[in-house]
Amino acid sequence: MKWFGKNIDPKCEYCALGQLSFDQEKVLCSKRGVVDPWYRCRRFSYDPLKRQPAAAPAIPIYSKEDFEI
């Protein structure tokens, strides 16, 4: 996935015109008011700093027996 590409799926969750509400369930948009995070409109302006990176995968725990031949 390209973070700064032109093929970003528009969502108000990471729009420059919106801010997440205190409970993080709605977006407070300066143009549309209170909307859902997955809502989108034609005034979408991408702000890459609002994107949340995916969680890192868990590191497996190996035992000494895993490395024996």
PDB file of N, CA and C in Angstrom:
ATOM      1  N   MET A   1       0.851  -1.177   0.000  1.00  0.00           N
ATOM      2  CA  MET A   1       0.000   0.000   0.000  1.00  0.00           C
ATOM      3  C   MET A   1       0.894   1.237   0.000  1.00  0.00           C
ATOM      4  N   LYS A   2       0.571   2.174  -0.834  1.00  0.00           N
ATOM      5  CA  LYS A   2       1.345   3.399  -0.893  1.00  0.00           C
ATOM      6  C   LYS A   2       0.702   4.456   0.011  1.00  0.00           C
ATOM      7  N   TRP A   3       1.501   5.005   0.902  1.00  0.00           N
ATOM      8  CA  TRP A   3       0.976   5.996   1.851  1.00  0.00           C
ATOM      9  C   TRP A   3       0.815   7.358   1.205  1.00  0.00           C
ATOM     10  N   PHE A   4       1.648   7.704   0.263  1.00  0.00           N
ATOM     11  CA  PHE A   4       1.600   9.019  -0.333  1.00  0.00           C
ATOM     12  C   PHE A   4       1.179   8.962  -1.796  1.00  0.00           C
ATOM     13  N   GLY A   5       0.637   7.854  -2.255  1.00  0.00           N
ATOM     14  CA  GLY A   5       0.227   7.696  -3.645  1.00  0.00           C
ATOM     15  C   GLY A   5      -1.089   8.395  -3.935  1.00  0.00           C
ATOM     16  N   LYS A   6      -1.465   8.372  -5.203  1.00  0.00           N
ATOM     17  CA  LYS A   6      -2.710   9.003  -5.622  1.00  0.00           C
ATOM     18  C   LYS A   6      -3.895   8.049  -5.562  1.00  0.00           C
ATOM     19  N   ASN A   7      -3.659   6.799  -5.203  1.00  0.00           N
ATOM     20  CA  ASN A   7      -4.736   5.814  -5.148  1.00  0.00           C
ATOM     21  C   ASN A   7      -5.182   5.533  -3.712  1.00  0.00           C
ATOM     22  N   ILE A   8      -5.268   6.544  -2.885  1.00  0.00           N
ATOM     23  CA  ILE A   8      -5.715   6.422  -1.498  1.00  0.00           C
ATOM     24  C   ILE A   8      -7.241   6.355  -1.478  1.00  0.00           C
ATOM     25  N   ASP A   9      -7.784   5.380  -0.757  1.00  0.00           N
ATOM     26  CA  ASP A   9      -9.230   5.264  -0.600  1.00  0.00           C
ATOM     27  C   ASP A   9      -9.688   6.373   0.348  1.00  0.00           C
ATOM     28  N   PRO A  10     -10.496   7.337  -0.129  1.00  0.00           N
ATOM     29  CA  PRO A  10     -10.867   8.465   0.731  1.00  0.00           C
ATOM     30  C   PRO A  10     -11.752   8.051   1.910  1.00  0.00           C
ATOM     31  N   LYS A  11     -11.368   8.488   3.080  1.00  0.00           N
ATOM     32  CA  LYS A  11     -12.136   8.290   4.312  1.00  0.00           C
ATOM     33  C   LYS A  11     -11.970   9.545   5.151  1.00  0.00           C
ATOM     34  N   CYS A  12     -13.012   9.956   5.818  1.00  0.00           N
ATOM     35  CA  CYS A  12     -12.921  11.148   6.671  1.00  0.00           C
ATOM     36  C   CYS A  12     -12.014  10.911   7.867  1.00  0.00           C
ATOM     37  N   GLU A  13     -11.716   9.672   8.154  1.00  0.00           N
ATOM     38  CA  GLU A  13     -10.844   9.342   9.280  1.00  0.00           C
ATOM     39  C   GLU A  13      -9.461   9.975   9.128  1.00  0.00           C
ATOM     40  N   TYR A  14      -8.963  10.096   7.904  1.00  0.00           N
ATOM     41  CA  TYR A  14      -7.660  10.717   7.671  1.00  0.00           C
ATOM     42  C   TYR A  14      -7.737  11.857   6.677  1.00  0.00           C
ATOM     43  N   CYS A  15      -8.783  12.640   6.770  1.00  0.00           N
ATOM     44  CA  CYS A  15      -8.951  13.843   5.959  1.00  0.00           C
ATOM     45  C   CYS A  15      -8.389  15.040   6.732  1.00  0.00           C
ATOM     46  N   ALA A  16      -7.819  15.986   6.008  1.00  0.00           N
ATOM     47  CA  ALA A  16      -7.244  17.175   6.637  1.00  0.00           C
ATOM     48  C   ALA A  16      -8.327  18.077   7.229  1.00  0.00           C
ATOM     49  N   LEU A  17      -9.557  17.956   6.763  1.00  0.00           N
ATOM     50  CA  LEU A  17     -10.642  18.822   7.235  1.00  0.00           C
ATOM     51  C   LEU A  17     -11.359  18.277   8.471  1.00  0.00           C
ATOM     52  N   GLY A  18     -11.051  17.057   8.868  1.00  0.00           N
ATOM     53  CA  GLY A  18     -11.760  16.449   9.988  1.00  0.00           C
ATOM     54  C   GLY A  18     -10.860  16.125  11.155  1.00  0.00           C
ATOM     55  N   GLN A  19     -11.492  15.971  12.324  1.00  0.00           N
ATOM     56  CA  GLN A  19     -10.800  15.560  13.541  1.00  0.00           C
ATOM     57  C   GLN A  19     -11.620  14.465  14.195  1.00  0.00           C
ATOM     58  N   LEU A  20     -10.939  13.447  14.727  1.00  0.00           N
ATOM     59  CA  LEU A  20     -11.654  12.405  15.456  1.00  0.00           C
ATOM     60  C   LEU A  20     -12.248  12.984  16.724  1.00  0.00           C
ATOM     61  N   SER A  21     -13.442  12.537  17.055  1.00  0.00           N
ATOM     62  CA  SER A  21     -14.081  12.999  18.278  1.00  0.00           C
ATOM     63  C   SER A  21     -13.381  12.392  19.490  1.00  0.00           C
ATOM     64  N   PHE A  22     -13.770  12.823  20.667  1.00  0.00           N
ATOM     65  CA  PHE A  22     -13.134  12.365  21.900  1.00  0.00           C
ATOM     66  C   PHE A  22     -13.264  10.855  22.083  1.00  0.00           C
ATOM     67  N   ASP A  23     -14.427  10.288  21.741  1.00  0.00           N
ATOM     68  CA  ASP A  23     -14.627   8.848  21.884  1.00  0.00           C
ATOM     69  C   ASP A  23     -14.090   8.055  20.700  1.00  0.00           C
ATOM     70  N   GLN A  24     -13.545   8.713  19.690  1.00  0.00           N
ATOM     71  CA  GLN A  24     -12.909   8.123  18.509  1.00  0.00           C
ATOM     72  C   GLN A  24     -13.868   7.279  17.678  1.00  0.00           C
ATOM     73  N   GLU A  25     -15.176   7.559  17.758  1.00  0.00           N
ATOM     74  CA  GLU A  25     -16.163   6.833  16.961  1.00  0.00           C
ATOM     75  C   GLU A  25     -16.738   7.686  15.836  1.00  0.00           C
ATOM     76  N   LYS A  26     -16.580   8.980  15.886  1.00  0.00           N
ATOM     77  CA  LYS A  26     -17.087   9.901  14.865  1.00  0.00           C
ATOM     78  C   LYS A  26     -15.990  10.876  14.482  1.00  0.00           C
ATOM     79  N   VAL A  27     -16.184  11.527  13.341  1.00  0.00           N
ATOM     80  CA  VAL A  27     -15.251  12.543  12.865  1.00  0.00           C
ATOM     81  C   VAL A  27     -15.975  13.873  12.845  1.00  0.00           C
ATOM     82  N   LEU A  28     -15.320  14.909  13.356  1.00  0.00           N
ATOM     83  CA  LEU A  28     -15.878  16.252  13.360  1.00  0.00           C
ATOM     84  C   LEU A  28     -15.312  16.984  12.142  1.00  0.00           C
ATOM     85  N   CYS A  29     -16.142  17.102  11.103  1.00  0.00           N
ATOM     86  CA  CYS A  29     -15.714  17.684   9.836  1.00  0.00           C
ATOM     87  C   CYS A  29     -16.068  19.166   9.811  1.00  0.00           C
ATOM     88  N   SER A  30     -15.153  19.980   9.302  1.00  0.00           N
ATOM     89  CA  SER A  30     -15.415  21.418   9.231  1.00  0.00           C
ATOM     90  C   SER A  30     -16.409  21.762   8.118  1.00  0.00           C
ATOM     91  N   LYS A  31     -16.636  20.861   7.179  1.00  0.00           N
ATOM     92  CA  LYS A  31     -17.565  21.107   6.070  1.00  0.00           C
ATOM     93  C   LYS A  31     -18.900  20.400   6.239  1.00  0.00           C
ATOM     94  N   ARG A  32     -18.894  19.161   6.763  1.00  0.00           N
ATOM     95  CA  ARG A  32     -20.105  18.342   6.845  1.00  0.00           C
ATOM     96  C   ARG A  32     -20.651  18.151   8.250  1.00  0.00           C
ATOM     97  N   GLY A  33     -19.911  18.525   9.270  1.00  0.00           N
ATOM     98  CA  GLY A  33     -20.363  18.330  10.641  1.00  0.00           C
ATOM     99  C   GLY A  33     -19.889  16.987  11.181  1.00  0.00           C
ATOM    100  N   VAL A  34     -20.723  16.315  11.946  1.00  0.00           N
ATOM    101  CA  VAL A  34     -20.372  15.030  12.551  1.00  0.00           C
ATOM    102  C   VAL A  34     -20.690  13.919  11.551  1.00  0.00           C
ATOM    103  N   VAL A  35     -19.663  13.140  11.185  1.00  0.00           N
ATOM    104  CA  VAL A  35     -19.820  12.050  10.216  1.00  0.00           C
ATOM    105  C   VAL A  35     -19.112  10.808  10.729  1.00  0.00           C
ATOM    106  N   ASP A  36     -19.372   9.679  10.075  1.00  0.00           N
ATOM    107  CA  ASP A  36     -18.686   8.428  10.398  1.00  0.00           C
ATOM    108  C   ASP A  36     -17.258   8.463   9.871  1.00  0.00           C
ATOM    109  N   PRO A  37     -16.341   7.695  10.474  1.00  0.00           N
ATOM    110  CA  PRO A  37     -14.943   7.705  10.019  1.00  0.00           C
ATOM    111  C   PRO A  37     -14.767   7.193   8.589  1.00  0.00           C
ATOM    112  N   TRP A  38     -15.635   6.307   8.114  1.00  0.00           N
ATOM    113  CA  TRP A  38     -15.506   5.770   6.760  1.00  0.00           C
ATOM    114  C   TRP A  38     -16.281   6.588   5.729  1.00  0.00           C
ATOM    115  N   TYR A  39     -16.953   7.637   6.152  1.00  0.00           N
ATOM    116  CA  TYR A  39     -17.670   8.519   5.235  1.00  0.00           C
ATOM    117  C   TYR A  39     -16.667   9.261   4.349  1.00  0.00           C
ATOM    118  N   ARG A  40     -17.086   9.650   3.160  1.00  0.00           N
ATOM    119  CA  ARG A  40     -16.229  10.436   2.285  1.00  0.00           C
ATOM    120  C   ARG A  40     -17.080  11.431   1.511  1.00  0.00           C
ATOM    121  N   CYS A  41     -16.483  12.550   1.177  1.00  0.00           N
ATOM    122  CA  CYS A  41     -17.168  13.554   0.377  1.00  0.00           C
ATOM    123  C   CYS A  41     -16.201  14.090  -0.672  1.00  0.00           C
ATOM    124  N   ARG A  42     -16.661  14.973  -1.516  1.00  0.00           N
ATOM    125  CA  ARG A  42     -15.814  15.472  -2.602  1.00  0.00           C
ATOM    126  C   ARG A  42     -14.770  16.471  -2.122  1.00  0.00           C
ATOM    127  N   ARG A  43     -14.862  16.926  -0.897  1.00  0.00           N
ATOM    128  CA  ARG A  43     -13.881  17.868  -0.346  1.00  0.00           C
ATOM    129  C   ARG A  43     -12.737  17.167   0.378  1.00  0.00           C
ATOM    130  N   PHE A  44     -12.620  15.864   0.180  1.00  0.00           N
ATOM    131  CA  PHE A  44     -11.581  15.075   0.834  1.00  0.00           C
ATOM    132  C   PHE A  44     -10.196  15.614   0.493  1.00  0.00           C
ATOM    133  N   SER A  45      -9.407  15.832   1.524  1.00  0.00           N
ATOM    134  CA  SER A  45      -8.025  16.283   1.371  1.00  0.00           C
ATOM    135  C   SER A  45      -7.160  15.394   2.255  1.00  0.00           C
ATOM    136  N   TYR A  46      -6.334  14.579   1.627  1.00  0.00           N
ATOM    137  CA  TYR A  46      -5.564  13.565   2.336  1.00  0.00           C
ATOM    138  C   TYR A  46      -4.498  14.174   3.239  1.00  0.00           C
ATOM    139  N   ASP A  47      -4.462  13.722   4.490  1.00  0.00           N
ATOM    140  CA  ASP A  47      -3.442  14.122   5.449  1.00  0.00           C
ATOM    141  C   ASP A  47      -2.719  12.859   5.903  1.00  0.00           C
ATOM    142  N   PRO A  48      -1.506  12.591   5.392  1.00  0.00           N
ATOM    143  CA  PRO A  48      -0.817  11.337   5.719  1.00  0.00           C
ATOM    144  C   PRO A  48      -0.448  11.198   7.194  1.00  0.00           C
ATOM    145  N   LEU A  49      -0.397  12.284   7.931  1.00  0.00           N
ATOM    146  CA  LEU A  49      -0.041  12.197   9.350  1.00  0.00           C
ATOM    147  C   LEU A  49      -1.181  11.650  10.208  1.00  0.00           C
ATOM    148  N   LYS A  50      -2.384  11.582   9.668  1.00  0.00           N
ATOM    149  CA  LYS A  50      -3.516  11.057  10.429  1.00  0.00           C
ATOM    150  C   LYS A  50      -3.699   9.558  10.255  1.00  0.00           C
ATOM    151  N   ARG A  51      -2.954   8.934   9.350  1.00  0.00           N
ATOM    152  CA  ARG A  51      -3.066   7.494   9.143  1.00  0.00           C
ATOM    153  C   ARG A  51      -2.432   6.760  10.317  1.00  0.00           C
ATOM    154  N   GLN A  52      -3.098   5.713  10.783  1.00  0.00           N
ATOM    155  CA  GLN A  52      -2.570   4.875  11.851  1.00  0.00           C
ATOM    156  C   GLN A  52      -1.920   3.655  11.212  1.00  0.00           C
ATOM    157  N   PRO A  53      -0.656   3.386  11.498  1.00  0.00           N
ATOM    158  CA  PRO A  53      -0.015   2.206  10.907  1.00  0.00           C
ATOM    159  C   PRO A  53      -0.621   0.924  11.467  1.00  0.00           C
ATOM    160  N   ALA A  54      -0.552  -0.124  10.668  1.00  0.00           N
ATOM    161  CA  ALA A  54      -1.050  -1.429  11.111  1.00  0.00           C
ATOM    162  C   ALA A  54      -0.179  -1.946  12.246  1.00  0.00           C
ATOM    163  N   ALA A  55      -0.775  -2.718  13.115  1.00  0.00           N
ATOM    164  CA  ALA A  55      -0.037  -3.275  14.249  1.00  0.00           C
ATOM    165  C   ALA A  55       1.013  -4.261  13.752  1.00  0.00           C
ATOM    166  N   ALA A  56       2.136  -4.278  14.402  1.00  0.00           N
ATOM    167  CA  ALA A  56       3.209  -5.198  14.036  1.00  0.00           C
ATOM    168  C   ALA A  56       2.800  -6.619  14.409  1.00  0.00           C
ATOM    169  N   PRO A  57       3.176  -7.590  13.588  1.00  0.00           N
ATOM    170  CA  PRO A  57       2.832  -8.972  13.929  1.00  0.00           C
ATOM    171  C   PRO A  57       3.569  -9.420  15.184  1.00  0.00           C
ATOM    172  N   ALA A  58       2.959 -10.333  15.899  1.00  0.00           N
ATOM    173  CA  ALA A  58       3.553 -10.835  17.139  1.00  0.00           C
ATOM    174  C   ALA A  58       4.808 -11.643  16.827  1.00  0.00           C
ATOM    175  N   ILE A  59       5.814 -11.481  17.642  1.00  0.00           N
ATOM    176  CA  ILE A  59       7.063 -12.206  17.466  1.00  0.00           C
ATOM    177  C   ILE A  59       6.896 -13.580  18.101  1.00  0.00           C
ATOM    178  N   PRO A  60       7.144 -14.650  17.323  1.00  0.00           N
ATOM    179  CA  PRO A  60       6.986 -15.989  17.905  1.00  0.00           C
ATOM    180  C   PRO A  60       8.059 -16.269  18.950  1.00  0.00           C
ATOM    181  N   ILE A  61       7.689 -17.051  19.929  1.00  0.00           N
ATOM    182  CA  ILE A  61       8.613 -17.427  20.988  1.00  0.00           C
ATOM    183  C   ILE A  61       9.137 -18.828  20.673  1.00  0.00           C
ATOM    184  N   TYR A  62      10.440 -18.935  20.502  1.00  0.00           N
ATOM    185  CA  TYR A  62      11.067 -20.206  20.177  1.00  0.00           C
ATOM    186  C   TYR A  62      11.689 -20.821  21.424  1.00  0.00           C
ATOM    187  N   SER A  63      11.710 -22.131  21.436  1.00  0.00           N
ATOM    188  CA  SER A  63      12.389 -22.846  22.523  1.00  0.00           C
ATOM    189  C   SER A  63      13.708 -23.403  22.003  1.00  0.00           C
ATOM    190  N   LYS A  64      14.516 -23.924  22.909  1.00  0.00           N
ATOM    191  CA  LYS A  64      15.813 -24.478  22.530  1.00  0.00           C
ATOM    192  C   LYS A  64      15.631 -25.696  21.615  1.00  0.00           C
ATOM    193  N   GLU A  65      14.562 -26.439  21.794  1.00  0.00           N
ATOM    194  CA  GLU A  65      14.294 -27.638  20.989  1.00  0.00           C
ATOM    195  C   GLU A  65      13.997 -27.288  19.526  1.00  0.00           C
ATOM    196  N   ASP A  66      13.549 -26.103  19.256  1.00  0.00           N
ATOM    197  CA  ASP A  66      13.260 -25.705  17.888  1.00  0.00           C
ATOM    198  C   ASP A  66      14.516 -25.593  17.034  1.00  0.00           C
ATOM    199  N   PHE A  67      15.667 -25.423  17.663  1.00  0.00           N
ATOM    200  CA  PHE A  67      16.909 -25.233  16.928  1.00  0.00           C
ATOM    201  C   PHE A  67      17.811 -26.467  16.936  1.00  0.00           C
ATOM    202  N   GLU A  68      17.307 -27.571  17.450  1.00  0.00           N
ATOM    203  CA  GLU A  68      18.097 -28.806  17.455  1.00  0.00           C
ATOM    204  C   GLU A  68      17.856 -29.581  16.172  1.00  0.00           C
ATOM    205  N   ILE A  69      18.897 -30.306  15.755  1.00  0.00           N
ATOM    206  CA  ILE A  69      18.772 -31.139  14.547  1.00  0.00           C
ATOM    207  C   ILE A  69      18.454 -32.551  14.946  1.00  0.00           C
TER     208      ILE A  69
END
